[in-house]
Amino acid sequence: MANGILAASQLEMLTLSGTGVITIVPPNTNTNRTLTLPDSTGTVATAESTLTQFSASGSAPVFAARAWVNFNGTGTVAIRASGNVSSITDNGTGLYTVNLTTAMPDASGCVVAFAYKSTTNSGDYRTIATGYNTISAGSFGLQTGTAQVDNVVDAPVVTAAIFR
């Protein structure tokens, strides 16, 4: 074993105890390879099974959101549901900062957002992602308002996601 990597000839028998992740890098051949696991409690992830988890097909890569949030933007701002979002900062009427639990690798993310009147009525609200400040590795800003130009208002329902 060199640098923690087993050569194909060294894989005749591999026994491990405990839990963890094992990554096997196949040799550069076009032959089929078979990996047999002795128990049924483990998980084998392949590029194809990862695409299936996202109900995706084709050869284009899949890029999952790094963070997402659904929050109440009126009164006391409150997160309804989220992933990788630690908090929302209310910066004034219609202005919010979404703070990430784990920062992005840099500030080159893509934010998508939507605001609406209630959970049952889409209404005429609009959301401008990063409408008043910039994306940083640890947060991004949102501005909400009505369909009229420059009419910034708090929105009852705000949703946003960031990709990178």
N, C-alpha and C. Protein backbone atom coordinates (compact mmCIF):
# COMPACT_ATOMS: atom_id res chain seq x y z
N MET A 1 0.86 -1.17 0.00
CA MET A 1 0.00 0.00 0.00
C MET A 1 0.91 1.22 0.00
N ALA A 2 0.68 2.14 -0.94
CA ALA A 2 1.43 3.39 -1.02
C ALA A 2 0.48 4.55 -0.87
N ASN A 3 0.77 5.46 0.01
CA ASN A 3 -0.07 6.64 0.24
C ASN A 3 -1.51 6.27 0.57
N GLY A 4 -1.73 5.15 1.24
CA GLY A 4 -3.07 4.76 1.64
C GLY A 4 -3.92 4.20 0.51
N ILE A 5 -3.32 3.91 -0.64
CA ILE A 5 -4.06 3.39 -1.79
C ILE A 5 -3.63 1.96 -2.06
N LEU A 6 -4.58 1.04 -2.17
CA LEU A 6 -4.29 -0.34 -2.48
C LEU A 6 -4.28 -0.53 -3.99
N ALA A 7 -3.28 -1.22 -4.48
CA ALA A 7 -3.25 -1.57 -5.89
C ALA A 7 -4.22 -2.71 -6.13
N ALA A 8 -4.66 -2.89 -7.39
CA ALA A 8 -5.62 -3.95 -7.71
C ALA A 8 -5.10 -5.31 -7.25
N SER A 9 -3.80 -5.57 -7.36
CA SER A 9 -3.25 -6.85 -6.94
C SER A 9 -3.32 -7.04 -5.43
N GLN A 10 -3.49 -5.97 -4.66
CA GLN A 10 -3.57 -6.06 -3.21
C GLN A 10 -5.00 -6.22 -2.71
N LEU A 11 -5.98 -6.27 -3.60
CA LEU A 11 -7.37 -6.35 -3.20
C LEU A 11 -7.92 -7.77 -3.18
N GLU A 12 -7.03 -8.76 -3.09
CA GLU A 12 -7.51 -10.14 -3.04
C GLU A 12 -8.43 -10.34 -1.86
N MET A 13 -8.08 -9.73 -0.72
CA MET A 13 -8.94 -9.84 0.46
C MET A 13 -8.77 -8.57 1.27
N LEU A 14 -9.87 -7.94 1.59
CA LEU A 14 -9.83 -6.72 2.36
C LEU A 14 -10.80 -6.88 3.51
N THR A 15 -10.33 -6.81 4.73
CA THR A 15 -11.17 -6.97 5.90
C THR A 15 -11.04 -5.73 6.76
N LEU A 16 -12.17 -5.14 7.09
CA LEU A 16 -12.19 -3.96 7.93
C LEU A 16 -13.21 -4.17 9.04
N SER A 17 -12.98 -3.53 10.16
CA SER A 17 -13.99 -3.58 11.22
C SER A 17 -14.40 -2.15 11.54
N GLY A 18 -15.58 -2.00 12.14
CA GLY A 18 -16.08 -0.66 12.45
C GLY A 18 -16.90 -0.11 11.31
N THR A 19 -17.10 1.20 11.34
CA THR A 19 -17.89 1.83 10.30
C THR A 19 -17.05 2.86 9.58
N GLY A 20 -17.49 3.27 8.43
CA GLY A 20 -16.76 4.26 7.65
C GLY A 20 -17.10 4.16 6.19
N VAL A 21 -16.37 4.89 5.40
CA VAL A 21 -16.57 4.92 3.97
C VAL A 21 -15.32 4.36 3.31
N ILE A 22 -15.49 3.45 2.38
CA ILE A 22 -14.38 2.89 1.62
C ILE A 22 -14.54 3.37 0.18
N THR A 23 -13.51 3.96 -0.36
CA THR A 23 -13.53 4.40 -1.75
C THR A 23 -12.58 3.53 -2.53
N ILE A 24 -13.07 2.92 -3.60
CA ILE A 24 -12.25 2.08 -4.44
C ILE A 24 -12.13 2.75 -5.79
N VAL A 25 -10.91 3.01 -6.22
CA VAL A 25 -10.66 3.61 -7.52
C VAL A 25 -10.31 2.48 -8.48
N PRO A 26 -11.14 2.26 -9.51
CA PRO A 26 -10.89 1.13 -10.42
C PRO A 26 -9.70 1.41 -11.33
N PRO A 27 -9.09 0.35 -11.85
CA PRO A 27 -8.01 0.54 -12.81
C PRO A 27 -8.55 1.15 -14.10
N ASN A 28 -7.69 1.74 -14.87
CA ASN A 28 -8.10 2.38 -16.13
C ASN A 28 -8.24 1.34 -17.23
N THR A 29 -9.32 0.57 -17.16
CA THR A 29 -9.62 -0.41 -18.20
C THR A 29 -11.08 -0.28 -18.58
N ASN A 30 -11.43 -0.90 -19.68
CA ASN A 30 -12.81 -0.88 -20.12
C ASN A 30 -13.54 -2.17 -19.77
N THR A 31 -13.00 -2.94 -18.85
CA THR A 31 -13.64 -4.20 -18.48
C THR A 31 -14.64 -3.97 -17.36
N ASN A 32 -15.61 -4.87 -17.23
CA ASN A 32 -16.58 -4.79 -16.14
C ASN A 32 -15.89 -5.17 -14.84
N ARG A 33 -16.29 -4.52 -13.75
CA ARG A 33 -15.73 -4.81 -12.45
C ARG A 33 -16.88 -5.17 -11.52
N THR A 34 -16.66 -6.12 -10.64
CA THR A 34 -17.69 -6.54 -9.69
C THR A 34 -17.16 -6.38 -8.28
N LEU A 35 -17.97 -5.79 -7.43
CA LEU A 35 -17.65 -5.65 -6.02
C LEU A 35 -18.72 -6.38 -5.24
N THR A 36 -18.31 -7.37 -4.45
CA THR A 36 -19.25 -8.15 -3.67
C THR A 36 -19.07 -7.81 -2.20
N LEU A 37 -20.15 -7.40 -1.56
CA LEU A 37 -20.13 -7.08 -0.14
C LEU A 37 -20.80 -8.20 0.62
N PRO A 38 -20.24 -8.60 1.78
CA PRO A 38 -20.79 -9.74 2.50
C PRO A 38 -22.08 -9.47 3.26
N ASP A 39 -22.42 -8.24 3.54
CA ASP A 39 -23.66 -7.97 4.27
C ASP A 39 -24.56 -7.05 3.46
N SER A 40 -25.79 -6.93 3.89
CA SER A 40 -26.75 -6.12 3.13
C SER A 40 -27.02 -4.77 3.79
N THR A 41 -26.23 -4.38 4.77
CA THR A 41 -26.51 -3.13 5.47
C THR A 41 -25.73 -1.95 4.91
N GLY A 42 -24.79 -2.20 4.04
CA GLY A 42 -24.00 -1.10 3.50
C GLY A 42 -24.66 -0.46 2.29
N THR A 43 -24.08 0.64 1.81
CA THR A 43 -24.58 1.34 0.65
C THR A 43 -23.44 1.53 -0.34
N VAL A 44 -23.69 1.23 -1.58
CA VAL A 44 -22.72 1.46 -2.63
C VAL A 44 -23.27 2.57 -3.51
N ALA A 45 -22.54 3.68 -3.60
CA ALA A 45 -22.97 4.80 -4.43
C ALA A 45 -22.14 4.82 -5.71
N THR A 46 -22.83 4.91 -6.84
CA THR A 46 -22.16 5.05 -8.12
C THR A 46 -22.65 6.34 -8.76
N ALA A 47 -22.01 6.74 -9.83
CA ALA A 47 -22.46 7.96 -10.52
C ALA A 47 -23.91 7.80 -10.97
N GLU A 48 -24.27 6.60 -11.45
CA GLU A 48 -25.63 6.35 -11.90
C GLU A 48 -26.62 6.39 -10.75
N SER A 49 -26.26 5.79 -9.59
CA SER A 49 -27.20 5.79 -8.46
C SER A 49 -27.36 7.18 -7.88
N THR A 50 -26.31 7.99 -7.96
CA THR A 50 -26.42 9.37 -7.48
C THR A 50 -27.39 10.15 -8.36
N LEU A 51 -27.32 9.99 -9.68
CA LEU A 51 -28.26 10.65 -10.57
C LEU A 51 -29.68 10.18 -10.30
N THR A 52 -29.85 8.88 -10.04
CA THR A 52 -31.17 8.33 -9.76
C THR A 52 -31.78 8.95 -8.52
N GLN A 53 -30.95 9.24 -7.51
CA GLN A 53 -31.46 9.87 -6.29
C GLN A 53 -32.11 11.21 -6.59
N PHE A 54 -31.65 11.89 -7.63
CA PHE A 54 -32.20 13.18 -8.01
C PHE A 54 -33.23 13.06 -9.14
N SER A 55 -33.60 11.84 -9.49
CA SER A 55 -34.51 11.56 -10.60
C SER A 55 -34.02 12.23 -11.88
N ALA A 56 -32.72 12.16 -12.10
CA ALA A 56 -32.12 12.78 -13.28
C ALA A 56 -31.68 11.70 -14.25
N SER A 57 -31.61 12.06 -15.52
CA SER A 57 -31.11 11.13 -16.52
C SER A 57 -30.20 11.90 -17.46
N GLY A 58 -29.47 11.17 -18.28
CA GLY A 58 -28.56 11.80 -19.22
C GLY A 58 -27.16 11.96 -18.63
N SER A 59 -26.27 12.57 -19.40
CA SER A 59 -24.88 12.66 -18.98
C SER A 59 -24.52 14.02 -18.37
N ALA A 60 -25.43 14.98 -18.41
CA ALA A 60 -25.13 16.29 -17.82
C ALA A 60 -25.00 16.15 -16.30
N PRO A 61 -24.08 16.87 -15.67
CA PRO A 61 -23.91 16.76 -14.23
C PRO A 61 -25.11 17.34 -13.47
N VAL A 62 -25.30 16.87 -12.24
CA VAL A 62 -26.36 17.36 -11.37
C VAL A 62 -25.71 18.22 -10.29
N PHE A 63 -26.25 19.40 -10.07
CA PHE A 63 -25.74 20.30 -9.05
C PHE A 63 -26.85 20.58 -8.05
N ALA A 64 -26.71 20.04 -6.86
CA ALA A 64 -27.72 20.22 -5.83
C ALA A 64 -27.53 21.57 -5.15
N ALA A 65 -28.60 22.08 -4.56
CA ALA A 65 -28.52 23.34 -3.82
C ALA A 65 -27.58 23.17 -2.62
N ARG A 66 -26.76 24.17 -2.36
CA ARG A 66 -25.89 24.16 -1.18
C ARG A 66 -26.66 24.58 0.06
N ALA A 67 -27.74 25.34 -0.13
CA ALA A 67 -28.59 25.76 0.99
C ALA A 67 -29.94 26.17 0.42
N TRP A 68 -30.99 26.04 1.24
CA TRP A 68 -32.33 26.47 0.85
C TRP A 68 -33.09 26.86 2.10
N VAL A 69 -34.12 27.72 1.91
CA VAL A 69 -34.91 28.16 3.05
C VAL A 69 -36.30 28.56 2.62
N ASN A 70 -37.26 28.38 3.51
CA ASN A 70 -38.63 28.87 3.38
C ASN A 70 -38.90 29.59 4.69
N PHE A 71 -39.17 30.91 4.64
CA PHE A 71 -39.35 31.65 5.88
C PHE A 71 -40.47 32.67 5.81
N ASN A 72 -40.97 33.04 6.99
CA ASN A 72 -41.97 34.08 7.15
C ASN A 72 -41.23 35.41 7.18
N GLY A 73 -41.51 36.29 6.25
CA GLY A 73 -40.81 37.57 6.16
C GLY A 73 -41.55 38.74 6.77
N THR A 74 -42.68 38.50 7.45
CA THR A 74 -43.43 39.59 8.08
C THR A 74 -43.36 39.45 9.60
N GLY A 75 -43.51 40.57 10.30
CA GLY A 75 -43.46 40.54 11.77
C GLY A 75 -42.11 40.03 12.23
N THR A 76 -42.12 39.06 13.13
CA THR A 76 -40.87 38.44 13.55
C THR A 76 -40.50 37.40 12.52
N VAL A 77 -39.39 37.62 11.82
CA VAL A 77 -38.94 36.71 10.77
C VAL A 77 -38.67 35.34 11.38
N ALA A 78 -39.21 34.29 10.75
CA ALA A 78 -39.05 32.94 11.28
C ALA A 78 -38.88 31.94 10.15
N ILE A 79 -37.93 31.04 10.30
CA ILE A 79 -37.70 29.98 9.32
C ILE A 79 -38.75 28.89 9.51
N ARG A 80 -39.43 28.53 8.40
CA ARG A 80 -40.38 27.42 8.43
C ARG A 80 -39.65 26.09 8.23
N ALA A 81 -38.76 26.06 7.24
CA ALA A 81 -37.98 24.86 6.93
C ALA A 81 -36.73 25.32 6.20
N SER A 82 -35.65 24.55 6.32
CA SER A 82 -34.41 24.96 5.67
C SER A 82 -33.40 23.82 5.63
N GLY A 83 -32.38 24.04 4.86
CA GLY A 83 -31.23 23.15 4.81
C GLY A 83 -29.99 24.01 4.73
N ASN A 84 -29.06 23.87 5.65
CA ASN A 84 -27.81 24.63 5.72
C ASN A 84 -28.04 26.13 5.89
N VAL A 85 -29.13 26.52 6.52
CA VAL A 85 -29.38 27.93 6.84
C VAL A 85 -29.47 28.04 8.36
N SER A 86 -28.63 28.89 8.95
CA SER A 86 -28.60 29.03 10.40
C SER A 86 -29.61 30.05 10.90
N SER A 87 -29.83 31.13 10.12
CA SER A 87 -30.75 32.17 10.57
C SER A 87 -31.04 33.12 9.41
N ILE A 88 -32.07 33.96 9.64
CA ILE A 88 -32.42 35.03 8.71
C ILE A 88 -32.28 36.33 9.50
N THR A 89 -31.62 37.32 8.91
CA THR A 89 -31.52 38.63 9.52
C THR A 89 -32.51 39.56 8.84
N ASP A 90 -33.36 40.23 9.62
CA ASP A 90 -34.31 41.21 9.09
C ASP A 90 -33.61 42.55 9.09
N ASN A 91 -33.32 43.08 7.90
CA ASN A 91 -32.56 44.32 7.76
C ASN A 91 -33.45 45.53 7.47
N GLY A 92 -34.74 45.40 7.69
CA GLY A 92 -35.67 46.49 7.39
C GLY A 92 -36.75 45.98 6.46
N THR A 93 -37.65 46.85 6.08
CA THR A 93 -38.78 46.46 5.24
C THR A 93 -38.31 45.81 3.95
N GLY A 94 -38.70 44.55 3.76
CA GLY A 94 -38.40 43.83 2.54
C GLY A 94 -36.94 43.47 2.32
N LEU A 95 -36.09 43.64 3.32
CA LEU A 95 -34.66 43.36 3.19
C LEU A 95 -34.25 42.27 4.18
N TYR A 96 -33.65 41.21 3.66
CA TYR A 96 -33.28 40.07 4.49
C TYR A 96 -31.88 39.60 4.13
N THR A 97 -31.19 39.03 5.11
CA THR A 97 -29.94 38.32 4.85
C THR A 97 -30.13 36.88 5.30
N VAL A 98 -29.82 35.96 4.40
CA VAL A 98 -29.87 34.53 4.70
C VAL A 98 -28.46 34.11 5.11
N ASN A 99 -28.32 33.63 6.34
CA ASN A 99 -27.02 33.24 6.89
C ASN A 99 -26.86 31.72 6.81
N LEU A 100 -25.75 31.28 6.26
CA LEU A 100 -25.51 29.86 6.05
C LEU A 100 -24.86 29.22 7.27
N THR A 101 -25.23 27.98 7.54
CA THR A 101 -24.61 27.22 8.62
C THR A 101 -23.17 26.88 8.25
N THR A 102 -22.98 26.32 7.07
CA THR A 102 -21.65 26.01 6.54
C THR A 102 -21.44 26.87 5.32
N ALA A 103 -20.38 27.66 5.33
CA ALA A 103 -20.12 28.61 4.25
C ALA A 103 -19.84 27.90 2.93
N MET A 104 -20.09 28.61 1.85
CA MET A 104 -19.76 28.15 0.51
C MET A 104 -18.25 28.27 0.33
N PRO A 105 -17.68 27.64 -0.72
CA PRO A 105 -16.24 27.75 -0.93
C PRO A 105 -15.80 29.17 -1.33
N ASP A 106 -16.72 29.95 -1.88
CA ASP A 106 -16.41 31.32 -2.28
C ASP A 106 -17.72 32.06 -2.49
N ALA A 107 -17.65 33.26 -3.05
CA ALA A 107 -18.84 34.09 -3.24
C ALA A 107 -19.42 33.99 -4.65
N SER A 108 -19.13 32.92 -5.37
CA SER A 108 -19.58 32.79 -6.76
C SER A 108 -20.82 31.93 -6.90
N GLY A 109 -21.74 32.02 -5.95
CA GLY A 109 -22.95 31.23 -6.00
C GLY A 109 -24.02 31.85 -6.89
N CYS A 110 -25.06 31.08 -7.12
CA CYS A 110 -26.22 31.52 -7.90
C CYS A 110 -27.44 31.40 -6.99
N VAL A 111 -28.10 32.52 -6.71
CA VAL A 111 -29.26 32.53 -5.83
C VAL A 111 -30.53 32.58 -6.67
N VAL A 112 -31.50 31.74 -6.30
CA VAL A 112 -32.83 31.80 -6.88
C VAL A 112 -33.80 32.01 -5.72
N ALA A 113 -34.81 32.86 -5.91
CA ALA A 113 -35.72 33.18 -4.81
C ALA A 113 -37.10 33.52 -5.34
N PHE A 114 -38.08 33.41 -4.44
CA PHE A 114 -39.46 33.71 -4.79
C PHE A 114 -40.18 34.16 -3.53
N ALA A 115 -41.07 35.13 -3.66
CA ALA A 115 -41.87 35.60 -2.53
C ALA A 115 -43.33 35.62 -2.94
N TYR A 116 -44.22 35.34 -1.99
CA TYR A 116 -45.64 35.40 -2.30
C TYR A 116 -46.44 35.73 -1.06
N LYS A 117 -47.73 36.01 -1.26
CA LYS A 117 -48.60 36.53 -0.21
C LYS A 117 -48.84 35.55 0.92
N SER A 118 -49.13 34.29 0.59
CA SER A 118 -49.44 33.31 1.63
C SER A 118 -49.17 31.93 1.09
N THR A 119 -49.34 30.93 1.93
CA THR A 119 -49.11 29.57 1.48
C THR A 119 -50.18 29.09 0.50
N THR A 120 -51.30 29.83 0.36
CA THR A 120 -52.37 29.41 -0.56
C THR A 120 -52.61 30.40 -1.70
N ASN A 121 -51.92 31.56 -1.72
CA ASN A 121 -52.17 32.58 -2.72
C ASN A 121 -50.84 33.13 -3.21
N SER A 122 -50.55 32.98 -4.50
CA SER A 122 -49.26 33.42 -5.02
C SER A 122 -49.16 34.94 -5.13
N GLY A 123 -50.24 35.64 -5.38
CA GLY A 123 -50.27 37.10 -5.37
C GLY A 123 -49.33 37.76 -6.36
N ASP A 124 -48.99 39.02 -6.09
CA ASP A 124 -48.18 39.79 -7.04
C ASP A 124 -46.84 40.23 -6.44
N TYR A 125 -46.32 39.51 -5.50
CA TYR A 125 -45.01 39.84 -4.93
C TYR A 125 -43.90 39.47 -5.90
N ARG A 126 -42.78 40.10 -5.72
CA ARG A 126 -41.59 39.76 -6.49
C ARG A 126 -40.41 39.69 -5.52
N THR A 127 -39.41 38.93 -5.89
CA THR A 127 -38.19 38.84 -5.09
C THR A 127 -37.01 39.17 -5.97
N ILE A 128 -36.12 39.97 -5.46
CA ILE A 128 -34.87 40.25 -6.14
C ILE A 128 -33.77 39.68 -5.26
N ALA A 129 -33.19 38.59 -5.68
CA ALA A 129 -32.10 38.01 -4.90
C ALA A 129 -30.90 38.94 -4.94
N THR A 130 -30.25 39.10 -3.81
CA THR A 130 -29.12 40.01 -3.63
C THR A 130 -29.44 41.39 -4.18
N GLY A 131 -30.67 41.82 -3.99
CA GLY A 131 -31.12 43.10 -4.52
C GLY A 131 -30.54 44.31 -3.82
N TYR A 132 -29.98 44.13 -2.64
CA TYR A 132 -29.45 45.29 -1.93
C TYR A 132 -28.05 45.06 -1.38
N ASN A 133 -27.55 43.85 -1.43
CA ASN A 133 -26.16 43.60 -1.06
C ASN A 133 -25.63 42.44 -1.89
N THR A 134 -24.44 42.00 -1.62
CA THR A 134 -23.80 40.99 -2.46
C THR A 134 -23.83 39.61 -1.81
N ILE A 135 -23.55 38.61 -2.62
CA ILE A 135 -23.38 37.25 -2.12
C ILE A 135 -22.00 37.16 -1.47
N SER A 136 -21.93 36.56 -0.30
CA SER A 136 -20.63 36.25 0.30
C SER A 136 -20.59 34.74 0.50
N ALA A 137 -19.47 34.22 0.95
CA ALA A 137 -19.37 32.78 1.18
C ALA A 137 -20.34 32.32 2.27
N GLY A 138 -20.65 33.19 3.24
CA GLY A 138 -21.46 32.80 4.37
C GLY A 138 -22.88 33.31 4.39
N SER A 139 -23.27 34.14 3.41
CA SER A 139 -24.63 34.68 3.41
C SER A 139 -24.97 35.29 2.06
N PHE A 140 -26.27 35.59 1.88
CA PHE A 140 -26.71 36.32 0.70
C PHE A 140 -27.94 37.13 1.06
N GLY A 141 -28.17 38.21 0.32
CA GLY A 141 -29.29 39.10 0.62
C GLY A 141 -30.46 38.91 -0.32
N LEU A 142 -31.64 39.25 0.21
CA LEU A 142 -32.86 39.22 -0.59
C LEU A 142 -33.63 40.51 -0.37
N GLN A 143 -34.31 40.95 -1.40
CA GLN A 143 -35.21 42.11 -1.30
C GLN A 143 -36.55 41.69 -1.86
N THR A 144 -37.63 41.97 -1.14
CA THR A 144 -38.96 41.61 -1.62
C THR A 144 -39.82 42.85 -1.77
N GLY A 145 -40.79 42.79 -2.66
CA GLY A 145 -41.69 43.91 -2.88
C GLY A 145 -42.87 43.48 -3.71
N THR A 146 -43.70 44.43 -4.10
CA THR A 146 -44.84 44.13 -4.95
C THR A 146 -44.44 44.38 -6.39
N ALA A 147 -45.37 44.13 -7.29
CA ALA A 147 -45.09 44.26 -8.71
C ALA A 147 -44.78 45.69 -9.14
N GLN A 148 -45.20 46.68 -8.35
CA GLN A 148 -44.90 48.06 -8.69
C GLN A 148 -43.41 48.33 -8.47
N VAL A 149 -42.81 49.09 -9.34
CA VAL A 149 -41.38 49.38 -9.26
C VAL A 149 -41.06 50.11 -7.95
N ASP A 150 -40.00 49.71 -7.31
CA ASP A 150 -39.48 50.33 -6.09
C ASP A 150 -40.47 50.32 -4.93
N ASN A 151 -41.41 49.39 -4.90
CA ASN A 151 -42.33 49.26 -3.78
C ASN A 151 -41.87 48.09 -2.92
N VAL A 152 -40.89 48.33 -2.05
CA VAL A 152 -40.32 47.29 -1.21
C VAL A 152 -41.24 47.04 -0.02
N VAL A 153 -41.66 45.78 0.17
CA VAL A 153 -42.53 45.40 1.28
C VAL A 153 -42.07 44.06 1.84
N ASP A 154 -42.43 43.79 3.10
CA ASP A 154 -42.21 42.47 3.68
C ASP A 154 -43.13 41.47 3.00
N ALA A 155 -42.64 40.27 2.77
CA ALA A 155 -43.43 39.23 2.16
C ALA A 155 -43.74 38.14 3.19
N PRO A 156 -44.99 37.69 3.24
CA PRO A 156 -45.35 36.63 4.19
C PRO A 156 -44.62 35.31 3.96
N VAL A 157 -44.34 34.98 2.71
CA VAL A 157 -43.64 33.73 2.41
C VAL A 157 -42.48 34.05 1.47
N VAL A 158 -41.28 33.69 1.88
CA VAL A 158 -40.09 33.89 1.06
C VAL A 158 -39.37 32.55 0.97
N THR A 159 -38.99 32.17 -0.24
CA THR A 159 -38.21 30.95 -0.45
C THR A 159 -36.97 31.29 -1.23
N ALA A 160 -35.87 30.62 -0.95
CA ALA A 160 -34.62 30.90 -1.66
C ALA A 160 -33.71 29.68 -1.61
N ALA A 161 -32.84 29.57 -2.59
CA ALA A 161 -31.83 28.52 -2.64
C ALA A 161 -30.57 29.11 -3.26
N ILE A 162 -29.43 28.55 -2.90
CA ILE A 162 -28.17 28.97 -3.50
C ILE A 162 -27.45 27.74 -4.04
N PHE A 163 -26.91 27.89 -5.23
CA PHE A 163 -26.19 26.80 -5.91
C PHE A 163 -24.76 27.24 -6.14
N ARG A 164 -23.86 26.28 -6.19
CA ARG A 164 -22.45 26.56 -6.51
C ARG A 164 -21.83 25.29 -7.00
